[in-house]
């Protein structure tokens, strides 16, 4: 039995996003919404939720983009097909992409899909729709990431970066309160 090919950076990133889609019942749980009590809590929630729900946020951003194209039905169909191509040719593919017995790497597929996307946006003239959808998506994602209590809210997503500072404060540190 042969071992699978080693994972490249592109493959690892797509596998991470693909496996980061959380159940929608967890995502939309109203009981897990509350206002953060401090700026540190806000920062921790934002970072942790962006990492935990990144797949869900990508899907919501794509849906918002398609909703901005409601007045351009042919363009919406084109980009729906393009999104399906991205999903099937790049994100959901575990095996190498083979065309006429020639294996194409992930970077070639990424470059080709990116070029088709940029040309599609340029030809269809939907730059304004794209900008509006990016702003609305950023607002929606930021609001959800800040208002949702993060999984394991007591832990800092910054890990050991803050532990050195916290240790000095517990011992009294080198500063004396006045």
N, C-alpha and C. Protein backbone atom coordinates (compact mmCIF):
# COMPACT_ATOMS: atom_id res chain seq x y z
N UNK A 1 0.85 -1.18 0.00
CA UNK A 1 0.00 0.00 0.00
C UNK A 1 0.89 1.23 0.00
N UNK A 2 0.58 2.16 -0.86
CA UNK A 2 1.39 3.37 -0.95
C UNK A 2 0.86 4.43 -0.01
N UNK A 3 1.76 5.25 0.47
CA UNK A 3 1.35 6.31 1.37
C UNK A 3 0.87 7.51 0.55
N UNK A 4 -0.02 8.31 1.12
CA UNK A 4 -0.52 9.48 0.39
C UNK A 4 0.61 10.47 0.17
N UNK A 5 0.47 11.31 -0.87
CA UNK A 5 1.51 12.30 -1.12
C UNK A 5 1.61 13.28 0.04
N UNK A 6 2.80 13.81 0.26
CA UNK A 6 2.94 14.76 1.36
C UNK A 6 2.09 16.01 1.12
N UNK A 7 1.55 16.53 2.20
CA UNK A 7 0.68 17.70 2.10
C UNK A 7 1.51 18.95 1.83
N UNK A 8 1.05 19.74 0.87
CA UNK A 8 1.69 21.01 0.60
C UNK A 8 1.03 22.08 1.44
N UNK A 9 1.59 23.25 1.46
CA UNK A 9 1.00 24.35 2.23
C UNK A 9 -0.39 24.69 1.75
N UNK A 10 -0.59 24.70 0.42
CA UNK A 10 -1.90 25.02 -0.14
C UNK A 10 -2.92 23.97 0.26
N UNK A 11 -2.52 22.69 0.16
CA UNK A 11 -3.45 21.62 0.52
C UNK A 11 -3.80 21.68 2.00
N UNK A 12 -2.81 21.94 2.84
CA UNK A 12 -3.06 22.01 4.28
C UNK A 12 -4.03 23.14 4.60
N UNK A 13 -3.86 24.27 3.94
CA UNK A 13 -4.75 25.40 4.19
C UNK A 13 -6.17 25.09 3.76
N UNK A 14 -6.34 24.48 2.59
CA UNK A 14 -7.69 24.16 2.13
C UNK A 14 -8.32 23.08 2.99
N UNK A 15 -7.55 22.10 3.42
CA UNK A 15 -8.09 21.06 4.30
C UNK A 15 -8.51 21.65 5.63
N UNK A 16 -7.74 22.62 6.12
CA UNK A 16 -8.08 23.26 7.39
C UNK A 16 -9.39 24.02 7.28
N UNK A 17 -9.57 24.78 6.20
CA UNK A 17 -10.81 25.53 6.01
C UNK A 17 -11.98 24.58 5.82
N UNK A 18 -11.77 23.53 5.02
CA UNK A 18 -12.85 22.58 4.74
C UNK A 18 -13.31 21.88 6.00
N UNK A 19 -12.39 21.55 6.89
CA UNK A 19 -12.76 20.83 8.10
C UNK A 19 -13.13 21.77 9.25
N UNK A 20 -13.08 23.08 9.00
CA UNK A 20 -13.42 24.03 10.06
C UNK A 20 -14.87 24.49 9.99
N UNK A 21 -15.67 23.94 9.11
CA UNK A 21 -17.09 24.31 9.06
C UNK A 21 -17.78 23.64 10.23
N UNK A 22 -18.27 24.46 11.14
CA UNK A 22 -18.92 23.97 12.35
C UNK A 22 -20.41 23.79 12.08
N UNK A 23 -21.09 22.98 12.90
CA UNK A 23 -22.54 22.81 12.73
C UNK A 23 -23.26 24.15 12.86
N UNK A 24 -24.26 24.35 12.01
CA UNK A 24 -24.96 25.63 12.00
C UNK A 24 -25.75 25.84 13.28
N UNK A 25 -26.15 24.75 13.95
CA UNK A 25 -26.86 24.92 15.22
C UNK A 25 -25.92 25.52 16.28
N UNK A 26 -24.66 25.18 16.23
CA UNK A 26 -23.67 25.77 17.13
C UNK A 26 -23.43 27.22 16.76
N UNK A 27 -23.35 27.48 15.47
CA UNK A 27 -23.07 28.83 14.97
C UNK A 27 -24.18 29.80 15.34
N UNK A 28 -25.45 29.38 15.18
CA UNK A 28 -26.59 30.26 15.39
C UNK A 28 -27.21 30.14 16.78
N UNK A 29 -26.54 29.52 17.73
CA UNK A 29 -27.08 29.33 19.07
C UNK A 29 -27.27 30.67 19.78
N UNK A 30 -28.54 31.08 20.02
CA UNK A 30 -28.76 32.38 20.66
C UNK A 30 -28.32 32.41 22.12
N UNK A 31 -28.25 31.26 22.76
CA UNK A 31 -27.86 31.25 24.17
C UNK A 31 -26.37 31.54 24.35
N UNK A 32 -25.59 31.49 23.29
CA UNK A 32 -24.16 31.74 23.41
C UNK A 32 -23.78 33.17 23.00
N UNK A 33 -24.77 34.04 22.86
CA UNK A 33 -24.50 35.43 22.51
C UNK A 33 -24.56 36.31 23.76
N UNK A 34 -23.55 37.14 23.94
CA UNK A 34 -23.54 38.12 25.03
C UNK A 34 -22.51 39.18 24.70
N UNK A 35 -22.62 40.29 25.39
CA UNK A 35 -21.66 41.37 25.19
C UNK A 35 -20.37 41.05 25.95
N UNK A 36 -19.22 41.35 25.36
CA UNK A 36 -17.97 41.14 26.09
C UNK A 36 -17.84 42.16 27.22
N UNK A 37 -17.21 41.74 28.31
CA UNK A 37 -17.11 42.61 29.49
C UNK A 37 -15.89 43.52 29.47
N UNK A 38 -14.88 43.16 28.68
CA UNK A 38 -13.67 43.97 28.64
C UNK A 38 -13.09 43.95 27.23
N UNK A 39 -12.12 44.82 27.01
CA UNK A 39 -11.45 44.86 25.72
C UNK A 39 -10.66 43.57 25.48
N UNK A 40 -10.08 43.02 26.52
CA UNK A 40 -9.35 41.75 26.39
C UNK A 40 -10.30 40.62 26.03
N UNK A 41 -11.48 40.59 26.64
CA UNK A 41 -12.48 39.58 26.31
C UNK A 41 -12.94 39.73 24.87
N UNK A 42 -13.13 40.98 24.44
CA UNK A 42 -13.52 41.24 23.05
C UNK A 42 -12.46 40.72 22.09
N UNK A 43 -11.21 41.00 22.38
CA UNK A 43 -10.11 40.55 21.53
C UNK A 43 -9.99 39.03 21.51
N UNK A 44 -10.13 38.42 22.68
CA UNK A 44 -10.06 36.96 22.76
C UNK A 44 -11.20 36.30 21.98
N UNK A 45 -12.41 36.83 22.15
CA UNK A 45 -13.56 36.28 21.44
C UNK A 45 -13.38 36.41 19.93
N UNK A 46 -12.98 37.60 19.49
CA UNK A 46 -12.83 37.87 18.06
C UNK A 46 -11.84 36.90 17.44
N UNK A 47 -10.68 36.75 18.04
CA UNK A 47 -9.64 35.87 17.50
C UNK A 47 -10.07 34.41 17.55
N UNK A 48 -10.60 33.97 18.68
CA UNK A 48 -10.99 32.57 18.83
C UNK A 48 -12.13 32.20 17.87
N UNK A 49 -13.13 33.08 17.75
CA UNK A 49 -14.27 32.78 16.87
C UNK A 49 -13.88 32.84 15.40
N UNK A 50 -12.98 33.75 15.03
CA UNK A 50 -12.51 33.77 13.64
C UNK A 50 -11.82 32.46 13.28
N UNK A 51 -11.05 31.93 14.20
CA UNK A 51 -10.38 30.65 13.93
C UNK A 51 -11.36 29.48 13.96
N UNK A 52 -12.27 29.49 14.91
CA UNK A 52 -13.18 28.36 15.09
C UNK A 52 -14.25 28.29 14.00
N UNK A 53 -14.77 29.44 13.56
CA UNK A 53 -15.87 29.47 12.60
C UNK A 53 -15.45 29.95 11.22
N UNK A 54 -14.18 29.87 10.86
CA UNK A 54 -13.73 30.45 9.59
C UNK A 54 -14.43 29.85 8.39
N UNK A 55 -14.73 28.57 8.39
CA UNK A 55 -15.46 27.96 7.28
C UNK A 55 -16.87 28.51 7.16
N UNK A 56 -17.54 28.68 8.29
CA UNK A 56 -18.89 29.24 8.30
C UNK A 56 -18.88 30.69 7.82
N UNK A 57 -17.87 31.44 8.23
CA UNK A 57 -17.76 32.83 7.81
C UNK A 57 -17.53 32.95 6.30
N UNK A 58 -16.77 32.04 5.73
CA UNK A 58 -16.55 32.05 4.28
C UNK A 58 -17.87 31.80 3.55
N UNK A 59 -18.64 30.83 4.03
CA UNK A 59 -19.93 30.51 3.39
C UNK A 59 -20.89 31.70 3.49
N UNK A 60 -20.95 32.33 4.66
CA UNK A 60 -21.83 33.48 4.83
C UNK A 60 -21.39 34.64 3.93
N UNK A 61 -20.08 34.86 3.80
CA UNK A 61 -19.58 35.92 2.94
C UNK A 61 -19.94 35.66 1.48
N UNK A 62 -19.85 34.41 1.05
CA UNK A 62 -20.22 34.07 -0.33
C UNK A 62 -21.72 34.27 -0.56
N UNK A 63 -22.53 33.92 0.41
CA UNK A 63 -23.98 34.13 0.27
C UNK A 63 -24.31 35.63 0.21
N UNK A 64 -23.65 36.44 1.01
CA UNK A 64 -23.88 37.88 0.95
C UNK A 64 -23.46 38.43 -0.41
N UNK A 65 -22.35 37.93 -0.95
CA UNK A 65 -21.91 38.36 -2.28
C UNK A 65 -22.95 37.99 -3.33
N UNK A 66 -23.49 36.77 -3.26
CA UNK A 66 -24.51 36.36 -4.24
C UNK A 66 -25.79 37.18 -4.08
N UNK A 67 -26.12 37.57 -2.86
CA UNK A 67 -27.31 38.40 -2.65
C UNK A 67 -27.15 39.79 -3.26
N UNK A 68 -25.91 40.31 -3.30
CA UNK A 68 -25.71 41.62 -3.93
C UNK A 68 -25.85 41.53 -5.45
N UNK A 69 -25.82 40.32 -5.98
CA UNK A 69 -25.95 40.14 -7.43
C UNK A 69 -27.38 39.83 -7.87
N UNK A 70 -28.34 40.08 -6.99
CA UNK A 70 -29.74 39.75 -7.32
C UNK A 70 -30.24 40.54 -8.52
N UNK A 71 -29.71 41.73 -8.74
CA UNK A 71 -30.14 42.53 -9.89
C UNK A 71 -29.38 42.17 -11.17
N UNK A 72 -28.41 41.28 -11.07
CA UNK A 72 -27.63 40.82 -12.23
C UNK A 72 -27.75 39.29 -12.31
N UNK A 73 -28.87 38.75 -12.80
CA UNK A 73 -29.08 37.31 -12.73
C UNK A 73 -28.06 36.48 -13.51
N UNK A 74 -27.63 36.93 -14.69
CA UNK A 74 -26.66 36.15 -15.46
C UNK A 74 -25.30 36.14 -14.77
N UNK A 75 -24.93 37.26 -14.20
CA UNK A 75 -23.69 37.33 -13.45
C UNK A 75 -23.76 36.46 -12.20
N UNK A 76 -24.92 36.44 -11.55
CA UNK A 76 -25.09 35.60 -10.37
C UNK A 76 -24.94 34.12 -10.72
N UNK A 77 -25.50 33.72 -11.85
CA UNK A 77 -25.37 32.32 -12.29
C UNK A 77 -23.92 32.01 -12.61
N UNK A 78 -23.24 32.94 -13.30
CA UNK A 78 -21.82 32.74 -13.62
C UNK A 78 -21.00 32.57 -12.35
N UNK A 79 -21.21 33.43 -11.36
CA UNK A 79 -20.42 33.33 -10.13
C UNK A 79 -20.84 32.15 -9.27
N UNK A 80 -22.07 31.72 -9.37
CA UNK A 80 -22.48 30.49 -8.68
C UNK A 80 -21.73 29.29 -9.27
N UNK A 81 -21.62 29.25 -10.59
CA UNK A 81 -20.84 28.19 -11.25
C UNK A 81 -19.36 28.32 -10.88
N UNK A 82 -18.86 29.55 -10.80
CA UNK A 82 -17.47 29.77 -10.43
C UNK A 82 -17.20 29.34 -8.99
N UNK A 83 -18.12 29.61 -8.10
CA UNK A 83 -17.97 29.17 -6.71
C UNK A 83 -17.99 27.65 -6.64
N UNK A 84 -18.86 27.03 -7.41
CA UNK A 84 -18.88 25.56 -7.46
C UNK A 84 -17.55 25.02 -7.99
N UNK A 85 -16.99 25.69 -8.99
CA UNK A 85 -15.68 25.27 -9.51
C UNK A 85 -14.61 25.40 -8.44
N UNK A 86 -14.62 26.49 -7.68
CA UNK A 86 -13.67 26.64 -6.59
C UNK A 86 -13.83 25.50 -5.58
N UNK A 87 -15.06 25.19 -5.23
CA UNK A 87 -15.29 24.15 -4.23
C UNK A 87 -14.82 22.80 -4.73
N UNK A 88 -15.23 22.42 -5.95
CA UNK A 88 -14.91 21.07 -6.43
C UNK A 88 -13.48 20.93 -6.94
N UNK A 89 -12.91 21.98 -7.51
CA UNK A 89 -11.56 21.86 -8.05
C UNK A 89 -10.47 22.20 -7.05
N UNK A 90 -10.82 22.93 -6.00
CA UNK A 90 -9.77 23.35 -5.08
C UNK A 90 -10.01 22.91 -3.65
N UNK A 91 -11.18 23.21 -3.07
CA UNK A 91 -11.38 22.95 -1.65
C UNK A 91 -11.76 21.51 -1.33
N UNK A 92 -12.62 20.88 -2.13
CA UNK A 92 -13.14 19.56 -1.79
C UNK A 92 -12.36 18.42 -2.43
N UNK A 93 -11.26 18.72 -3.05
CA UNK A 93 -10.52 17.69 -3.78
C UNK A 93 -9.41 17.14 -2.89
N UNK A 94 -9.41 15.79 -2.73
CA UNK A 94 -8.36 15.13 -1.96
C UNK A 94 -7.29 14.53 -2.87
N UNK A 95 -7.68 14.15 -4.07
CA UNK A 95 -6.75 13.53 -5.01
C UNK A 95 -6.16 14.60 -5.93
N UNK A 96 -5.00 14.33 -6.51
CA UNK A 96 -4.44 15.30 -7.46
C UNK A 96 -5.37 15.50 -8.66
N UNK A 97 -5.35 16.69 -9.21
CA UNK A 97 -6.18 17.03 -10.36
C UNK A 97 -5.45 16.60 -11.63
N UNK A 98 -6.07 15.68 -12.40
CA UNK A 98 -5.43 15.11 -13.58
C UNK A 98 -6.24 15.50 -14.81
N UNK A 99 -5.53 16.07 -15.83
CA UNK A 99 -6.13 16.42 -17.10
C UNK A 99 -5.29 15.78 -18.19
N UNK A 100 -5.89 14.89 -19.00
CA UNK A 100 -5.20 14.20 -20.09
C UNK A 100 -3.91 13.52 -19.59
N UNK A 101 -4.03 12.79 -18.51
CA UNK A 101 -2.90 12.07 -17.89
C UNK A 101 -1.78 12.99 -17.44
N UNK A 102 -2.07 14.23 -17.20
CA UNK A 102 -1.08 15.18 -16.72
C UNK A 102 -1.58 15.72 -15.38
N UNK A 103 -0.78 15.56 -14.35
CA UNK A 103 -1.19 15.98 -13.02
C UNK A 103 -0.90 17.46 -12.81
N UNK A 104 -1.93 18.21 -12.45
CA UNK A 104 -1.79 19.64 -12.17
C UNK A 104 -1.70 19.84 -10.66
N UNK A 105 -0.75 20.62 -10.23
CA UNK A 105 -0.58 20.88 -8.81
C UNK A 105 -1.62 21.85 -8.29
N UNK A 106 -1.68 21.96 -6.98
CA UNK A 106 -2.65 22.86 -6.34
C UNK A 106 -2.39 24.31 -6.72
N UNK A 107 -1.13 24.68 -6.87
CA UNK A 107 -0.82 26.07 -7.20
C UNK A 107 -1.30 26.43 -8.60
N UNK A 108 -1.20 25.50 -9.54
CA UNK A 108 -1.67 25.76 -10.90
C UNK A 108 -3.19 25.93 -10.90
N UNK A 109 -3.89 25.07 -10.17
CA UNK A 109 -5.35 25.17 -10.07
C UNK A 109 -5.73 26.49 -9.40
N UNK A 110 -5.01 26.87 -8.34
CA UNK A 110 -5.27 28.12 -7.63
C UNK A 110 -5.08 29.32 -8.56
N UNK A 111 -4.01 29.34 -9.32
CA UNK A 111 -3.73 30.45 -10.23
C UNK A 111 -4.79 30.51 -11.32
N UNK A 112 -5.16 29.37 -11.89
CA UNK A 112 -6.17 29.35 -12.96
C UNK A 112 -7.52 29.85 -12.45
N UNK A 113 -7.96 29.36 -11.31
CA UNK A 113 -9.24 29.80 -10.76
C UNK A 113 -9.20 31.28 -10.38
N UNK A 114 -8.08 31.75 -9.87
CA UNK A 114 -7.95 33.17 -9.51
C UNK A 114 -8.03 34.05 -10.74
N UNK A 115 -7.36 33.64 -11.82
CA UNK A 115 -7.41 34.43 -13.06
C UNK A 115 -8.83 34.47 -13.60
N UNK A 116 -9.53 33.34 -13.63
CA UNK A 116 -10.91 33.31 -14.12
C UNK A 116 -11.80 34.20 -13.24
N UNK A 117 -11.57 34.19 -11.93
CA UNK A 117 -12.37 35.02 -11.03
C UNK A 117 -12.12 36.51 -11.29
N UNK A 118 -10.86 36.91 -11.39
CA UNK A 118 -10.55 38.32 -11.62
C UNK A 118 -11.07 38.78 -12.98
N UNK A 119 -10.93 37.96 -14.01
CA UNK A 119 -11.44 38.31 -15.33
C UNK A 119 -12.97 38.41 -15.29
N UNK A 120 -13.62 37.49 -14.58
CA UNK A 120 -15.07 37.53 -14.46
C UNK A 120 -15.56 38.79 -13.77
N UNK A 121 -14.87 39.20 -12.72
CA UNK A 121 -15.24 40.43 -12.02
C UNK A 121 -15.00 41.64 -12.92
N UNK A 122 -13.88 41.65 -13.64
CA UNK A 122 -13.56 42.79 -14.50
C UNK A 122 -14.53 42.91 -15.67
N UNK A 123 -14.86 41.80 -16.31
CA UNK A 123 -15.74 41.82 -17.48
C UNK A 123 -17.18 42.16 -17.08
N UNK A 124 -17.64 41.62 -15.97
CA UNK A 124 -19.03 41.84 -15.58
C UNK A 124 -19.25 43.21 -14.95
N UNK A 125 -18.19 43.88 -14.52
CA UNK A 125 -18.32 45.22 -13.96
C UNK A 125 -19.04 45.27 -12.63
N UNK A 126 -18.80 44.31 -11.77
CA UNK A 126 -19.49 44.26 -10.48
C UNK A 126 -18.56 44.64 -9.34
N UNK A 127 -17.59 45.51 -9.61
CA UNK A 127 -16.65 45.92 -8.56
C UNK A 127 -17.38 46.53 -7.38
N UNK A 128 -18.38 47.35 -7.65
CA UNK A 128 -19.14 47.99 -6.57
C UNK A 128 -19.86 46.95 -5.72
N UNK A 129 -20.49 45.97 -6.37
CA UNK A 129 -21.18 44.91 -5.63
C UNK A 129 -20.20 44.12 -4.77
N UNK A 130 -19.02 43.87 -5.32
CA UNK A 130 -18.00 43.13 -4.58
C UNK A 130 -17.55 43.93 -3.36
N UNK A 131 -17.35 45.23 -3.52
CA UNK A 131 -16.94 46.07 -2.41
C UNK A 131 -18.01 46.12 -1.32
N UNK A 132 -19.26 46.32 -1.73
CA UNK A 132 -20.36 46.37 -0.77
C UNK A 132 -20.49 45.04 -0.03
N UNK A 133 -20.40 43.93 -0.76
CA UNK A 133 -20.53 42.63 -0.11
C UNK A 133 -19.37 42.37 0.84
N UNK A 134 -18.17 42.84 0.51
CA UNK A 134 -17.04 42.66 1.43
C UNK A 134 -17.23 43.49 2.70
N UNK A 135 -17.74 44.71 2.57
CA UNK A 135 -17.99 45.54 3.75
C UNK A 135 -19.09 44.96 4.63
N UNK A 136 -20.19 44.52 4.01
CA UNK A 136 -21.29 43.92 4.78
C UNK A 136 -20.83 42.61 5.43
N UNK A 137 -20.09 41.80 4.69
CA UNK A 137 -19.58 40.54 5.25
C UNK A 137 -18.65 40.80 6.42
N UNK A 138 -17.78 41.78 6.27
CA UNK A 138 -16.87 42.12 7.37
C UNK A 138 -17.63 42.56 8.61
N UNK A 139 -18.70 43.34 8.42
CA UNK A 139 -19.51 43.79 9.54
C UNK A 139 -20.23 42.61 10.21
N UNK A 140 -20.86 41.76 9.41
CA UNK A 140 -21.60 40.61 9.95
C UNK A 140 -20.66 39.66 10.68
N UNK A 141 -19.52 39.34 10.06
CA UNK A 141 -18.55 38.42 10.67
C UNK A 141 -18.00 39.02 11.95
N UNK A 142 -17.65 40.30 11.94
CA UNK A 142 -17.10 40.94 13.13
C UNK A 142 -18.12 40.95 14.27
N UNK A 143 -19.36 41.30 13.96
CA UNK A 143 -20.40 41.31 14.99
C UNK A 143 -20.59 39.92 15.61
N UNK A 144 -20.67 38.89 14.78
CA UNK A 144 -20.85 37.55 15.32
C UNK A 144 -19.63 37.13 16.13
N UNK A 145 -18.43 37.41 15.63
CA UNK A 145 -17.21 36.99 16.31
C UNK A 145 -17.06 37.68 17.67
N UNK A 146 -17.54 38.90 17.79
CA UNK A 146 -17.42 39.62 19.05
C UNK A 146 -18.54 39.25 20.02
N UNK A 147 -19.75 39.05 19.52
CA UNK A 147 -20.89 38.79 20.40
C UNK A 147 -21.00 37.34 20.86
N UNK A 148 -20.44 36.40 20.11
CA UNK A 148 -20.56 35.00 20.49
C UNK A 148 -19.49 34.64 21.50
N UNK A 149 -19.92 33.99 22.59
CA UNK A 149 -18.97 33.52 23.59
C UNK A 149 -18.13 32.42 22.95
N UNK A 150 -16.82 32.58 23.01
CA UNK A 150 -15.92 31.63 22.35
C UNK A 150 -15.89 30.31 23.09
N UNK A 151 -15.60 29.25 22.35
CA UNK A 151 -15.42 27.93 22.96
C UNK A 151 -14.21 28.02 23.88
N UNK A 152 -14.36 27.63 25.16
CA UNK A 152 -13.27 27.75 26.11
C UNK A 152 -12.90 29.20 26.34
N UNK A 153 -13.90 30.02 26.72
CA UNK A 153 -13.71 31.47 26.80
C UNK A 153 -12.67 31.88 27.83
N UNK A 154 -12.39 31.05 28.80
CA UNK A 154 -11.42 31.41 29.82
C UNK A 154 -9.99 31.41 29.31
N UNK A 155 -9.72 30.73 28.22
CA UNK A 155 -8.36 30.63 27.71
C UNK A 155 -8.12 31.75 26.70
N UNK A 156 -6.90 32.22 26.68
CA UNK A 156 -6.52 33.25 25.72
C UNK A 156 -6.06 32.58 24.44
N UNK A 157 -6.53 33.05 23.26
CA UNK A 157 -6.05 32.46 22.02
C UNK A 157 -4.61 32.84 21.71
N UNK A 158 -4.06 33.75 22.51
CA UNK A 158 -2.69 34.18 22.28
C UNK A 158 -1.69 33.25 22.97
N UNK A 159 -2.21 32.29 23.74
CA UNK A 159 -1.37 31.27 24.34
C UNK A 159 -0.33 31.82 25.28
N UNK A 160 0.91 31.41 25.06
CA UNK A 160 2.01 31.74 25.96
C UNK A 160 2.49 33.17 25.83
N UNK A 161 1.99 33.92 24.86
CA UNK A 161 2.44 35.30 24.71
C UNK A 161 2.13 36.14 25.93
N UNK A 162 1.02 35.88 26.58
CA UNK A 162 0.63 36.67 27.74
C UNK A 162 1.04 36.04 29.06
N UNK A 163 1.51 34.79 29.05
CA UNK A 163 1.81 34.11 30.30
C UNK A 163 2.99 34.74 31.02
N UNK A 164 3.98 35.26 30.31
CA UNK A 164 5.13 35.89 30.94
C UNK A 164 4.69 37.16 31.65
N UNK A 165 3.84 37.93 31.02
CA UNK A 165 3.34 39.16 31.63
C UNK A 165 2.49 38.83 32.84
N UNK A 166 1.64 37.81 32.74
CA UNK A 166 0.78 37.43 33.86
C UNK A 166 1.59 36.93 35.04
N UNK A 167 2.68 36.21 34.80
CA UNK A 167 3.50 35.68 35.89
C UNK A 167 4.14 36.82 36.68
N UNK A 168 4.60 37.86 36.00
CA UNK A 168 5.21 38.98 36.69
C UNK A 168 4.20 39.71 37.57
N UNK A 169 2.97 39.80 37.11
CA UNK A 169 1.95 40.50 37.87
C UNK A 169 1.56 39.73 39.13
N UNK A 170 1.59 38.41 39.09
CA UNK A 170 1.23 37.61 40.26
C UNK A 170 2.25 37.76 41.38
N UNK A 171 3.54 37.91 41.03
CA UNK A 171 4.59 38.03 42.02
C UNK A 171 4.76 39.48 42.49
N UNK A 172 3.99 40.35 41.96
CA UNK A 172 4.15 41.75 42.32
C UNK A 172 4.95 42.49 41.27
N UNK A 173 5.73 41.76 40.49
CA UNK A 173 6.48 42.36 39.41
C UNK A 173 7.55 43.31 39.93
N UNK A 174 8.16 44.06 39.01
CA UNK A 174 9.20 45.00 39.39
C UNK A 174 8.63 46.38 39.66
N UNK A 175 7.34 46.54 39.53
CA UNK A 175 6.69 47.83 39.77
C UNK A 175 6.04 47.84 41.14
N UNK A 176 6.15 48.95 41.82
CA UNK A 176 5.53 49.07 43.11
C UNK A 176 4.36 50.03 43.01
N UNK A 177 3.15 49.60 43.44
CA UNK A 177 2.02 50.52 43.38
C UNK A 177 2.23 51.71 44.32
N UNK A 178 1.79 52.84 43.88
CA UNK A 178 1.97 54.07 44.68
C UNK A 178 0.69 54.39 45.40
